[in-house]
Amino acid sequence: MTFRVGVIGGGQLARMMVPPAIELGIDIRVLAETEGMSAAIAATAVGDYTDLGTVRAFARDVDVITFDHEHVPQAVLRALVEEGVAVHPGPDALQFAQDKLRMRERLGELGIPMPDWARIETPAELDAFIADHGGEAVVKTARGGYDGKGVRVVSSAAQVEEWFFALDEDGRGGALLAEEKVEFSRELAQLVARRPSGDVTLWPVVESVQRDGVCAEVFAPAPRSAGRVAEMAARIGTTIAEELGVTGVLAVELFETTDERLLVNELAMRPHNTGHWTIDGSTTSQFEQHLRAVLDLPFGATGHVEPWSVMVNILGGPADGDLDAPVVAASADQPTAKIHLYGKEARPGRKIGHITVSGEELDEVVFQARAAAAFFQD
C-alpha cells in the first residue's frame, strides 16, 4: 500500500514536502492555483481551491488532504469532512488560523498570554483603543493577511479607513483586530507537530528577525533560550496544539517582552518559514514531520544535527533574474551553505529561496549564511 497525500496550494511549502514524500514512499499530489507554481513538479491538478467541485474531485484519489496555505474556505473544508474525507488540520482547528479574531477569543478562553486586544467595528472604537494604549496600536485585518500584509501600526483610525469597508467571506462588513504595540526584545517561534492520535513533538524554540514585516533570518535554537524561556514556549505551543485539536505542524509566533514574558503573536497551521532550517539542521524536517503527522505515522526525532543552524531568506534576488550565477558563486565561496530555491522569478521583496548553514560556532554560522545570501543581492 502507498500512502497518498493531497496538498492544496502550489507554493514553496508544497514544493518542500516533495523530497521527504519521495524518501518515505508517499504519493504526493498538489492542487496548484495556476500553472508553473513552485510545486509544479508534483502538481497533478490546477484549479480554484475555493470551488467545492474542484477540491472534491482532487480529494477523491488521496488518503488525506493537507495544505500549503490556510485560505481554503470553511464551507469547502466542512463539506469534505461531512463526505468522509480526512482533512488535516481540520476546519475546527484551521478556523483559528484563518480568522485572527476567533484566534484571540479562543486563546483568551485558554488563558494563553497575548497582547491586549479588541474587536473593532467602527473608527470611533479604534480611536478609543489607540487613546487607551499610548497613542498607537497595531491593526490587523481579521482574515487573509500574511508577510506584513493586512497589518499596520497606526495612530488614528483614518489610517485604515478603507479596511472598515472590506467584506468577510460571508459578504458582511469585516471587523478589525486592534492590538497593543508590544515592547518586545525579540521574536521567537515554537514549532509543534501533532498527530490525529494525539502524540505531540516539538523542535527547540527559535529566534526570528523580521524586516519590513517579512521573516529575514532565523537562529536555531534561539540564543539565550535555555531553561525558563524554552519551557514556557514549549508549554504554550503544546497547549495550543492540544486544545485547538491541531493535526500537522503548528507554528506559534511569540514576542519576548522586555519584562521577560512570552506573548502569542500569530499562529500558522502548516509548515512555516521559521522552520525551514529543519531541512538541514534537524534530524527530521518540519516537512517530513508534517507528512508523518497528517498520515498519523510515528514521529521522527527533532534534535539538532549541529549545535547551531541559521537560515537566511533570499528576498528579491538579482535584478537580471539570473539565479545560476549566484548559485555558483555562493557554492564556491561558502561550501557549507545549503541553498534552497523555490522556482520563482525574482522581484523586489519576494521570497525566492533560503540558505541554511549549520555548525559548532554561532558567529561563524551567521557569517557563512549571510555571506552566501549576499551573492543573490545586487
Protein backbone atom coordinates (compact mmCIF):
# COMPACT_ATOMS: atom_id res chain seq x y z
CA MET A 1 0.00 0.00 0.00
CA THR A 2 1.22 3.50 -0.85
CA PHE A 3 0.11 6.47 1.25
CA ARG A 4 -1.43 9.24 -0.85
CA VAL A 5 -1.34 12.84 0.37
CA GLY A 6 -3.10 15.69 -1.41
CA VAL A 7 -1.76 19.21 -0.79
CA ILE A 8 -3.97 22.18 -1.61
CA GLY A 9 -1.81 25.07 -2.76
CA GLY A 10 1.17 25.02 -5.11
CA GLY A 11 3.61 27.29 -3.27
CA GLN A 12 7.05 26.67 -1.83
CA LEU A 13 5.73 24.83 1.22
CA ALA A 14 4.15 22.18 -1.00
CA ARG A 15 7.37 22.09 -3.04
CA MET A 16 9.43 21.36 0.07
CA MET A 17 7.12 18.48 1.03
CA VAL A 18 8.11 16.64 -2.15
CA PRO A 19 11.62 15.38 -1.18
CA PRO A 20 10.55 13.80 2.14
CA ALA A 21 7.47 12.34 0.45
CA ILE A 22 9.72 10.63 -2.08
CA GLU A 23 12.01 9.36 0.69
CA LEU A 24 9.06 7.91 2.63
CA GLY A 25 7.46 6.40 -0.47
CA ILE A 26 4.44 8.71 -0.23
CA ASP A 27 2.47 9.55 -3.35
CA ILE A 28 2.18 13.33 -3.03
CA ARG A 29 -0.24 15.25 -5.23
CA VAL A 30 -0.74 19.01 -5.43
CA LEU A 31 -3.70 21.17 -6.39
CA ALA A 32 -1.98 24.29 -7.69
CA GLU A 33 -3.73 27.60 -8.21
CA THR A 34 -2.09 28.22 -11.60
CA GLU A 35 0.40 26.60 -13.95
CA GLY A 36 4.10 26.99 -13.21
CA MET A 37 3.92 27.45 -9.44
CA SER A 38 6.71 26.41 -7.08
CA ALA A 39 5.32 22.92 -6.56
CA ALA A 40 4.70 22.30 -10.27
CA ILE A 41 6.80 19.13 -10.08
CA ALA A 42 4.02 17.48 -8.04
CA ALA A 43 1.02 19.39 -9.41
CA THR A 44 -1.48 16.78 -10.58
CA ALA A 45 -4.28 19.33 -10.83
CA VAL A 46 -4.69 23.06 -11.40
CA GLY A 47 -7.80 24.83 -10.24
CA ASP A 48 -9.70 27.06 -7.84
CA TYR A 49 -9.28 25.93 -4.23
CA THR A 50 -12.39 27.92 -3.26
CA ASP A 51 -14.60 25.80 -5.55
CA LEU A 52 -16.05 22.74 -3.84
CA GLY A 53 -16.34 20.74 -7.04
CA THR A 54 -12.68 21.28 -7.89
CA VAL A 55 -11.49 20.38 -4.40
CA ARG A 56 -13.86 17.40 -4.15
CA ALA A 57 -12.51 15.96 -7.40
CA PHE A 58 -8.93 16.44 -6.21
CA ALA A 59 -9.66 14.78 -2.86
CA ARG A 60 -11.25 11.76 -4.43
CA ASP A 61 -7.98 9.91 -5.07
CA VAL A 62 -5.97 10.66 -1.90
CA ASP A 63 -5.96 9.36 1.67
CA VAL A 64 -5.68 12.76 3.34
CA ILE A 65 -5.93 16.42 2.41
CA THR A 66 -3.50 18.97 3.85
CA PHE A 67 -2.43 22.49 2.92
CA ASP A 68 0.25 24.82 1.62
CA HIS A 69 -1.77 27.76 3.00
CA GLU A 70 -4.79 28.46 5.24
CA HIS A 71 -7.11 30.11 2.71
CA VAL A 72 -9.46 27.27 1.72
CA PRO A 73 -12.98 28.40 2.75
CA GLN A 74 -14.59 26.80 5.77
CA ALA A 75 -17.61 25.77 3.71
CA VAL A 76 -15.40 23.73 1.38
CA LEU A 77 -13.50 22.11 4.26
CA ARG A 78 -16.61 21.18 6.19
CA ALA A 79 -18.24 19.70 3.10
CA LEU A 80 -15.21 17.45 2.60
CA VAL A 81 -15.30 16.31 6.22
CA GLU A 82 -19.03 15.57 6.00
CA GLU A 83 -18.30 13.42 2.95
CA GLY A 84 -15.75 11.37 4.90
CA VAL A 85 -12.54 12.96 3.59
CA ALA A 86 -9.65 13.07 6.08
CA VAL A 87 -8.65 16.75 6.35
CA HIS A 88 -5.62 17.71 8.47
CA PRO A 89 -5.66 20.17 10.03
CA GLY A 90 -9.44 20.03 10.17
CA PRO A 91 -11.76 23.02 9.82
CA ASP A 92 -12.45 23.21 13.56
CA ALA A 93 -8.76 23.90 14.16
CA LEU A 94 -8.00 25.78 10.95
CA GLN A 95 -10.63 28.44 11.67
CA PHE A 96 -8.34 29.88 14.33
CA ALA A 97 -5.51 30.34 11.83
CA GLN A 98 -7.90 31.77 9.24
CA ASP A 99 -9.53 34.35 11.49
CA LYS A 100 -7.39 36.36 13.90
CA LEU A 101 -10.36 37.50 15.96
CA ARG A 102 -11.51 33.92 16.56
CA MET A 103 -7.93 33.03 17.41
CA ARG A 104 -7.67 35.78 20.03
CA GLU A 105 -11.03 34.86 21.54
CA ARG A 106 -10.14 31.17 21.84
CA LEU A 107 -6.65 31.75 23.20
CA GLY A 108 -8.16 34.09 25.77
CA GLU A 109 -10.53 31.32 26.88
CA LEU A 110 -7.50 29.06 27.33
CA GLY A 111 -5.59 31.62 29.38
CA ILE A 112 -2.79 31.88 26.82
CA PRO A 113 -0.71 35.08 27.26
CA MET A 114 -1.34 37.61 24.49
CA PRO A 115 -1.08 41.33 23.80
CA ASP A 116 -4.06 43.38 24.93
CA TRP A 117 -6.56 43.38 22.04
CA ALA A 118 -10.06 44.35 20.99
CA ARG A 119 -12.59 43.63 18.26
CA ILE A 120 -13.08 46.85 16.32
CA GLU A 121 -16.15 47.59 14.19
CA THR A 122 -16.10 51.40 13.93
CA PRO A 123 -13.47 54.12 13.57
CA ALA A 124 -14.59 55.56 16.92
CA GLU A 125 -13.85 52.25 18.66
CA LEU A 126 -10.39 52.17 17.12
CA ASP A 127 -9.59 55.75 18.11
CA ALA A 128 -10.67 54.95 21.68
CA PHE A 129 -8.42 51.86 21.75
CA ILE A 130 -5.50 53.90 20.44
CA ALA A 131 -6.06 56.55 23.10
CA ASP A 132 -6.09 53.88 25.82
CA HIS A 133 -2.83 52.35 24.57
CA GLY A 134 -0.35 55.18 24.40
CA GLY A 135 -1.40 56.75 21.12
CA GLU A 136 -0.51 53.82 18.85
CA ALA A 137 -1.93 50.41 18.04
CA VAL A 138 -1.32 47.52 15.69
CA VAL A 139 -4.35 46.98 13.46
CA LYS A 140 -4.88 43.77 11.50
CA THR A 141 -7.48 42.54 9.08
CA ALA A 142 -9.10 39.50 10.65
CA ARG A 143 -8.58 37.35 7.58
CA GLY A 144 -6.13 36.99 4.73
CA GLY A 145 -3.04 38.86 5.90
CA TYR A 146 0.48 37.43 5.68
CA ASP A 147 4.10 38.62 5.45
CA GLY A 148 3.18 42.04 6.77
CA LYS A 149 0.12 42.44 4.52
CA GLY A 150 -3.07 43.35 6.35
CA VAL A 151 -1.07 44.76 9.29
CA ARG A 152 -0.47 48.42 10.07
CA VAL A 153 0.83 50.39 13.04
CA VAL A 154 -1.46 53.40 13.31
CA SER A 155 -2.07 56.45 15.47
CA SER A 156 -5.51 57.20 14.00
CA ALA A 157 -8.45 55.23 12.61
CA ALA A 158 -8.18 57.33 9.45
CA GLN A 159 -5.03 55.39 8.53
CA VAL A 160 -7.07 52.20 7.97
CA GLU A 161 -10.34 53.81 6.90
CA GLU A 162 -10.71 51.61 3.79
CA TRP A 163 -10.43 48.43 5.88
CA PHE A 164 -13.75 49.14 7.57
CA PHE A 165 -15.47 48.61 4.24
CA ALA A 166 -13.84 45.25 3.44
CA LEU A 167 -16.12 42.21 3.29
CA ASP A 168 -15.58 38.91 5.04
CA GLU A 169 -16.19 35.55 3.33
CA ASP A 170 -19.91 35.79 4.21
CA GLY A 171 -20.23 39.12 2.43
CA ARG A 172 -20.55 41.14 5.63
CA GLY A 173 -18.51 44.08 6.76
CA GLY A 174 -15.41 42.70 8.40
CA ALA A 175 -14.42 43.65 11.94
CA LEU A 176 -10.78 44.53 12.59
CA LEU A 177 -8.38 43.36 15.27
CA ALA A 178 -6.61 46.04 17.30
CA GLU A 179 -3.66 45.09 19.49
CA GLU A 180 -1.38 46.96 21.81
CA LYS A 181 2.00 47.76 20.31
CA VAL A 182 4.15 45.40 22.36
CA GLU A 183 7.55 46.48 23.61
CA PHE A 184 9.48 43.32 22.85
CA SER A 185 13.15 42.41 22.98
CA ARG A 186 12.95 39.78 20.24
CA GLU A 187 10.61 37.50 18.33
CA LEU A 188 10.57 33.75 18.88
CA ALA A 189 8.77 30.84 17.26
CA GLN A 190 7.81 27.46 18.67
CA LEU A 191 7.11 24.70 16.16
CA VAL A 192 4.96 21.77 17.24
CA ALA A 193 3.67 18.73 15.38
CA ARG A 194 0.62 16.75 16.48
CA ARG A 195 -0.85 13.51 15.14
CA PRO A 196 -4.60 12.74 15.00
CA SER A 197 -3.98 10.10 17.66
CA GLY A 198 -2.75 12.86 19.99
CA ASP A 199 1.04 12.43 20.01
CA VAL A 200 2.91 15.75 20.14
CA THR A 201 6.52 16.57 19.36
CA LEU A 202 8.43 19.86 19.35
CA TRP A 203 11.57 21.41 17.93
CA PRO A 204 13.68 23.77 20.08
CA VAL A 205 12.36 27.33 20.16
CA VAL A 206 13.99 29.63 17.57
CA GLU A 207 14.58 33.36 17.22
CA SER A 208 13.39 35.16 14.09
CA VAL A 209 14.41 38.54 12.70
CA GLN A 210 11.76 40.44 10.75
CA ARG A 211 12.44 43.17 8.19
CA ASP A 212 9.58 45.16 6.67
CA GLY A 213 7.13 42.63 8.09
CA VAL A 214 8.88 39.67 6.43
CA CYS A 215 10.98 36.99 8.13
CA ALA A 216 14.61 37.63 7.13
CA GLU A 217 16.67 35.35 9.41
CA VAL A 218 16.14 32.52 11.88
CA PHE A 219 18.54 31.36 14.61
CA ALA A 220 18.10 27.80 15.86
CA PRO A 221 17.99 27.29 18.74
CA ALA A 222 17.19 30.79 19.94
CA PRO A 223 20.25 32.17 21.75
CA ARG A 224 19.76 32.61 25.49
CA SER A 225 16.65 30.41 25.43
CA ALA A 226 17.64 27.54 27.70
CA GLY A 227 15.57 26.89 30.81
CA ARG A 228 12.59 29.10 31.55
CA VAL A 229 12.08 30.61 28.08
CA ALA A 230 12.27 27.23 26.35
CA GLU A 231 9.92 25.69 28.90
CA MET A 232 7.35 28.49 28.53
CA ALA A 233 7.45 28.34 24.73
CA ALA A 234 7.06 24.55 24.75
CA ARG A 235 4.16 24.72 27.20
CA ILE A 236 2.35 27.40 25.17
CA GLY A 237 2.86 25.53 21.90
CA THR A 238 1.76 22.19 23.30
CA THR A 239 -1.32 23.67 24.97
CA ILE A 240 -2.46 25.38 21.78
CA ALA A 241 -1.89 22.28 19.63
CA GLU A 242 -3.83 20.06 22.02
CA GLU A 243 -6.66 22.42 22.95
CA LEU A 244 -7.31 23.54 19.36
CA GLY A 245 -7.03 19.98 18.03
CA VAL A 246 -4.31 20.84 15.51
CA THR A 247 -3.09 17.99 13.31
CA GLY A 248 0.13 18.53 11.40
CA VAL A 249 2.70 21.25 12.03
CA LEU A 250 1.76 24.29 14.11
CA ALA A 251 3.93 27.42 14.29
CA VAL A 252 3.38 29.73 17.26
CA GLU A 253 4.99 33.12 16.77
CA LEU A 254 5.88 34.79 20.06
CA PHE A 255 7.03 38.12 21.42
CA GLU A 256 9.55 38.01 24.26
CA THR A 257 8.86 41.24 26.12
CA THR A 258 11.33 43.49 27.85
CA ASP A 259 9.96 42.25 31.18
CA GLU A 260 10.62 38.60 30.16
CA ARG A 261 7.08 37.50 29.29
CA LEU A 262 6.13 35.47 26.23
CA LEU A 263 3.05 36.65 24.31
CA VAL A 264 1.47 34.87 21.35
CA ASN A 265 1.57 36.98 18.20
CA GLU A 266 0.36 34.72 15.36
CA LEU A 267 -0.47 31.08 14.57
CA ALA A 268 0.13 29.09 11.39
CA MET A 269 -1.22 25.55 10.98
CA ARG A 270 1.20 24.30 8.33
CA PRO A 271 4.97 24.25 7.86
CA HIS A 272 6.34 27.72 8.46
CA ASN A 273 9.21 29.96 7.39
CA THR A 274 10.72 29.81 10.89
CA GLY A 275 11.05 26.04 10.48
CA HIS A 276 12.86 25.90 7.14
CA TRP A 277 16.16 25.41 8.96
CA THR A 278 14.95 21.94 9.97
CA ILE A 279 15.51 20.63 6.42
CA ASP A 280 19.26 20.70 7.00
CA GLY A 281 19.58 21.36 10.72
CA SER A 282 17.26 18.79 12.34
CA THR A 283 17.10 15.01 12.28
CA THR A 284 13.53 15.33 10.95
CA SER A 285 12.44 18.35 8.94
CA GLN A 286 9.13 20.09 9.55
CA PHE A 287 8.02 18.94 6.09
CA GLU A 288 8.67 15.27 6.76
CA GLN A 289 7.09 15.58 10.19
CA HIS A 290 4.02 17.26 8.73
CA LEU A 291 3.53 14.35 6.34
CA ARG A 292 4.03 11.86 9.16
CA ALA A 293 1.54 13.78 11.32
CA VAL A 294 -1.30 14.05 8.81
CA LEU A 295 -0.96 10.33 7.99
CA ASP A 296 -0.79 9.50 11.74
CA LEU A 297 2.61 7.83 11.33
CA PRO A 298 5.20 7.66 14.14
CA PHE A 299 7.21 10.88 14.52
CA GLY A 300 10.87 11.28 13.71
CA ALA A 301 13.37 12.77 16.17
CA THR A 302 13.61 16.57 16.28
CA GLY A 303 17.11 17.17 17.64
CA HIS A 304 19.78 19.35 16.02
CA VAL A 305 22.39 17.78 13.78
CA GLU A 306 24.79 20.59 14.83
CA PRO A 307 24.67 22.92 17.84
CA TRP A 308 23.58 25.89 15.68
CA SER A 309 21.66 26.46 12.45
CA VAL A 310 21.00 29.82 10.83
CA MET A 311 18.56 30.37 7.97
CA VAL A 312 18.63 33.50 5.80
CA ASN A 313 15.81 34.17 3.36
CA ILE A 314 16.69 35.20 -0.18
CA LEU A 315 14.46 38.21 -0.75
CA GLY A 316 14.13 39.83 -4.15
CA GLY A 317 17.07 38.28 -5.96
CA PRO A 318 19.30 39.70 -8.71
CA ALA A 319 17.81 42.37 -10.95
CA ASP A 320 18.56 40.42 -14.11
CA GLY A 321 16.73 37.37 -12.74
CA ASP A 322 19.72 35.09 -13.33
CA LEU A 323 19.97 32.71 -10.38
CA ASP A 324 22.57 30.37 -11.87
CA ALA A 325 25.45 32.79 -11.37
CA PRO A 326 24.79 33.46 -7.66
CA VAL A 327 24.28 29.74 -7.02
CA VAL A 328 27.73 29.01 -8.46
CA ALA A 329 29.36 31.93 -6.64
CA ALA A 330 27.74 31.20 -3.27
CA SER A 331 28.57 27.50 -3.51
CA ALA A 332 32.21 28.23 -4.29
CA ASP A 333 32.59 30.86 -1.56
CA GLN A 334 30.56 29.11 1.17
CA PRO A 335 30.59 25.35 0.51
CA THR A 336 28.84 24.57 3.82
CA ALA A 337 25.80 26.63 2.81
CA LYS A 338 22.70 24.71 1.74
CA ILE A 339 20.85 26.63 -0.96
CA HIS A 340 17.11 26.16 -1.48
CA LEU A 341 15.42 27.94 -4.40
CA TYR A 342 11.65 27.94 -4.85
CA GLY A 343 11.33 28.07 -8.64
CA LYS A 344 10.11 31.67 -8.53
CA GLU A 345 11.05 34.65 -10.66
CA ALA A 346 12.95 37.31 -8.78
CA ARG A 347 11.21 40.57 -7.93
CA PRO A 348 11.70 43.13 -5.15
CA GLY A 349 10.80 41.80 -1.70
CA ARG A 350 9.70 38.37 -2.93
CA LYS A 351 10.89 35.26 -1.10
CA ILE A 352 12.57 33.23 -3.81
CA GLY A 353 14.55 30.87 -1.59
CA HIS A 354 16.58 30.46 1.56
CA ILE A 355 20.03 29.45 2.73
CA THR A 356 20.86 27.40 5.81
CA VAL A 357 24.21 26.84 7.47
CA SER A 358 24.78 24.58 10.48
CA GLY A 359 27.86 24.32 12.66
CA GLU A 360 29.60 24.47 16.02
CA GLU A 361 30.09 28.24 16.45
CA LEU A 362 27.15 30.62 16.14
CA ASP A 363 29.15 33.63 14.93
CA GLU A 364 30.77 31.60 12.17
CA VAL A 365 27.48 30.07 11.10
CA VAL A 366 25.82 33.51 10.94
CA PHE A 367 28.68 34.88 8.85
CA GLN A 368 28.60 31.99 6.39
CA ALA A 369 24.81 32.12 5.91
CA ARG A 370 24.77 35.88 5.35
CA ALA A 371 27.79 35.72 3.04
CA ALA A 372 26.13 33.09 0.87
CA ALA A 373 22.85 35.01 0.73
CA ALA A 374 24.67 38.20 -0.28
CA PHE A 375 25.53 36.70 -3.67
CA PHE A 376 21.82 36.80 -4.56
CA GLN A 377 21.51 40.55 -3.96
CA ASP A 378 22.63 43.30 -6.34
